[in-house]
Amino acid sequence: MNLHPVIDGHNDLAWACRETRAYSVNGLESGATGLHTDLARLETGGVAGQFWSVWVDPALQGAEQVVATLEQIDFVHRFVERYPERARLTRTAAEARTAMAEGRIASFIGVEGGAQFDGSLAALRQFARLGSRYVTLTWSRTTDWADSATDDARHGGLTEFGREVVREMQRIGLLVDLAHVAPTTMRDALAVSERPVMVSHSGSRAVCDHPRNVPDDVLAEIGSSDGVIMVAFVPSFLSEDRHAWVRAGEEGDPPPVGVGDVADHLDHMRDVAGVHAVGIGADYDGTDAMPIGLGDVSGYPRLFEELERRGWSDDELRGLGTDNVLRVLEASDGDYLDFLAGRAPQPPASAIAPAVDLSKKKAG
């Protein structure tokens, strides 16, 4: 079995370690009990790079979301510091290529939810300064400025502030991640975007009619604008039968989902968006169940073997594994580096205004 390198778009190890290990980074070399992820299994799976998701449970609100996001970012920094021979914190495509050439896992940070900067574009900029390279516009809840795919729609997509968020993200080189958002939000974000966008972990709506998946018109638009859609391994996103079983209350044995179901989504995404626009964002440690054969991060070679059997070429598999997402990242790397160096265009006044009106606080 050939070992194809993978840069995965989404892994929730940070939150899983909050829940089970009080954020400890010790003991993640191998045999990490109760986790999908450890360094030995990442090596077996051919994982050359990883966007480590920094996610916050919506039970935390407001400033609590900001604090918990900083804790998550701290976890990623401490993880790569604890294992410097195995992982390297990376922020750009060039840094990722250097890390991979050294045999270290290129470790990116992705913020999984627009609520996590609590309406403050200054906090958003601080996340970028700390190494974050994407922000998912919503998680599973609609925010004050963007509709989620799995909550009540309140805005018809993005509000004007939501459009400002997208513009500010692209000014400072943060990738706009359209996982979790409603199709109306996807379309609004694409209309505002001047750089390629990503979908860090979703499926195809035409293959499985789950609200978390991406409709064909959006797949095509992302492909035509040189973005990337990264397939998630979440069983209910992959299979209509599994999705129906979940909606019915998960009674009895779950319908099986396997490697072939993931490949079906990738085949469809390739047909609609183009082979240059596909990637992998499995969502390990972010969901309990995984497809048969893909139970942890060591399983990626089984997916590549299935795609080889279906006729995917080596060049196509290299794009799927690493090159497509690096191209999308690289398209915003100049903006990001200019921002860090103080060379970016100045933000509009609305983007630097205080998020909290103190006069109203005092009046209250």
Foldseek 3Di string as FASTA:
>chain_A
DDQFAFEALEAAVLVLCVVPPVLDLPPQQDDPPPFLHGLVLLVLNNYQEYAYEQEDDPVDAAVSLQVSSVSSLVSLVVNCVVPVQAADEDQALVRSVVCSVSNHYHYAYEYEALCSQVQALVSVVVVLLSGHAAYEHHAQCADPAAAFLNYDDDDQAGDPVSLVSLVSCLLQRHAYAHFGGAQSNLVVSLVSDPAQHEHNEAFECVQAVDSRHYYLVSLQSSLVRLEAYAYEQPVLRQHNQQVVCVVVPVPDDGDADALVSSVVRLVVSCVRRNLLHYEHHHHTPNDDDGHVQPGHSSRNVVNVVVVVVVPDDPVSSNSHRPVSNNVRSNRRVVSNVCVNVVNGPDRDPVNNDDSDDVVVVVVD
